[in-house]
Amino acid sequence: MMPWNKDDYPDSLKNFMAPIRNKAIDIANELLEEGYSESRAISIATAKAKEWGENRHKQIRKKGH
């Protein structure tokens, strides 16, 4: 499994604003390195990136999603 990056990431992240998506990618890649499965890494990273964005009053999803 290659690490995800800002151009190649899970479809489940496509409707997030770039800062949130990039944070999720960073977290997911760290979790993969720690041995988590892809699906678990994506799930945890998405939740943590949303929380990170909310704590910084950032827009989480693109308009209309």
C-alpha atoms as a PDB file:
ATOM      1  CA  MET A   1       0.000   0.000   0.000  1.00  0.00           C
ATOM      2  CA  MET A   2       1.415   3.334  -1.044  1.00  0.00           C
ATOM      3  CA  PRO A   3       0.826   6.256   1.309  1.00  0.00           C
ATOM      4  CA  TRP A   4      -1.941   8.630   0.321  1.00  0.00           C
ATOM      5  CA  ASN A   5      -1.203  12.198  -0.725  1.00  0.00           C
ATOM      6  CA  LYS A   6      -3.096  15.343  -1.762  1.00  0.00           C
ATOM      7  CA  ASP A   7      -3.594  14.003  -5.308  1.00  0.00           C
ATOM      8  CA  ASP A   8      -4.288  10.356  -4.471  1.00  0.00           C
ATOM      9  CA  TYR A   9      -6.569   9.718  -1.515  1.00  0.00           C
ATOM     10  CA  PRO A  10      -9.623   7.653  -0.578  1.00  0.00           C
ATOM     11  CA  ASP A  11     -12.899   8.616  -2.302  1.00  0.00           C
ATOM     12  CA  SER A  12     -14.503   9.071   1.106  1.00  0.00           C
ATOM     13  CA  LEU A  13     -12.411  12.230   1.576  1.00  0.00           C
ATOM     14  CA  LYS A  14     -13.286  13.920  -1.722  1.00  0.00           C
ATOM     15  CA  ASN A  15     -16.028  16.179  -0.305  1.00  0.00           C
ATOM     16  CA  PHE A  16     -13.905  17.602   2.473  1.00  0.00           C
ATOM     17  CA  MET A  17     -12.192  20.965   2.312  1.00  0.00           C
ATOM     18  CA  ALA A  18      -8.475  20.650   1.507  1.00  0.00           C
ATOM     19  CA  PRO A  19      -7.134  21.424   5.026  1.00  0.00           C
ATOM     20  CA  ILE A  20      -9.403  18.780   6.572  1.00  0.00           C
ATOM     21  CA  ARG A  21      -8.676  16.251   3.831  1.00  0.00           C
ATOM     22  CA  ASN A  22      -4.917  16.829   4.110  1.00  0.00           C
ATOM     23  CA  LYS A  23      -5.060  16.382   7.882  1.00  0.00           C
ATOM     24  CA  ALA A  24      -6.995  13.128   7.414  1.00  0.00           C
ATOM     25  CA  ILE A  25      -4.419  11.924   4.872  1.00  0.00           C
ATOM     26  CA  ASP A  26      -1.571  12.657   7.297  1.00  0.00           C
ATOM     27  CA  ILE A  27      -3.313  10.853  10.155  1.00  0.00           C
ATOM     28  CA  ALA A  28      -4.314   7.876   7.988  1.00  0.00           C
ATOM     29  CA  ASN A  29      -0.755   7.447   6.718  1.00  0.00           C
ATOM     30  CA  GLU A  30       0.541   7.451  10.298  1.00  0.00           C
ATOM     31  CA  LEU A  31      -2.030   4.831  11.277  1.00  0.00           C
ATOM     32  CA  LEU A  32      -1.069   2.636   8.307  1.00  0.00           C
ATOM     33  CA  GLU A  33       2.548   2.804   9.429  1.00  0.00           C
ATOM     34  CA  GLU A  34       1.413   1.647  12.868  1.00  0.00           C
ATOM     35  CA  GLY A  35      -0.229  -1.387  11.287  1.00  0.00           C
ATOM     36  CA  TYR A  36      -3.889  -0.383  11.073  1.00  0.00           C
ATOM     37  CA  SER A  37      -5.949  -1.684   8.164  1.00  0.00           C
ATOM     38  CA  GLU A  38      -6.825   0.782   5.394  1.00  0.00           C
ATOM     39  CA  SER A  39     -10.503   0.926   6.318  1.00  0.00           C
ATOM     40  CA  ARG A  40      -9.786   1.427  10.022  1.00  0.00           C
ATOM     41  CA  ALA A  41      -7.132   4.063   9.297  1.00  0.00           C
ATOM     42  CA  ILE A  42      -9.535   6.011   7.058  1.00  0.00           C
ATOM     43  CA  SER A  43     -12.329   5.829   9.622  1.00  0.00           C
ATOM     44  CA  ILE A  44     -10.189   7.014  12.531  1.00  0.00           C
ATOM     45  CA  ALA A  45      -8.416   9.672  10.464  1.00  0.00           C
ATOM     46  CA  THR A  46     -11.688  11.103   9.132  1.00  0.00           C
ATOM     47  CA  ALA A  47     -13.117  11.461  12.642  1.00  0.00           C
ATOM     48  CA  LYS A  48      -9.934  13.025  13.999  1.00  0.00           C
ATOM     49  CA  ALA A  49      -9.580  15.429  11.061  1.00  0.00           C
ATOM     50  CA  LYS A  50     -13.204  16.589  11.478  1.00  0.00           C
ATOM     51  CA  GLU A  51     -12.571  17.185  15.173  1.00  0.00           C
ATOM     52  CA  TRP A  52      -9.331  19.028  14.352  1.00  0.00           C
ATOM     53  CA  GLY A  53     -11.201  21.297  11.920  1.00  0.00           C
ATOM     54  CA  GLU A  54     -14.102  21.949  14.268  1.00  0.00           C
ATOM     55  CA  ASN A  55     -11.688  22.925  17.032  1.00  0.00           C
ATOM     56  CA  ARG A  56     -10.203  25.499  14.657  1.00  0.00           C
ATOM     57  CA  HIS A  57     -13.594  26.721  13.340  1.00  0.00           C
ATOM     58  CA  LYS A  58     -12.745  25.591   9.817  1.00  0.00           C
ATOM     59  CA  GLN A  59     -15.273  24.647   7.161  1.00  0.00           C
ATOM     60  CA  ILE A  60     -15.308  20.850   7.101  1.00  0.00           C
ATOM     61  CA  ARG A  61     -17.048  19.914   3.858  1.00  0.00           C
ATOM     62  CA  LYS A  62     -17.320  21.553   0.473  1.00  0.00           C
ATOM     63  CA  LYS A  63     -20.523  23.534  -0.047  1.00  0.00           C
ATOM     64  CA  GLY A  64     -23.492  21.352  -0.916  1.00  0.00           C
ATOM     65  CA  HIS A  65     -22.142  18.200   0.809  1.00  0.00           C
END
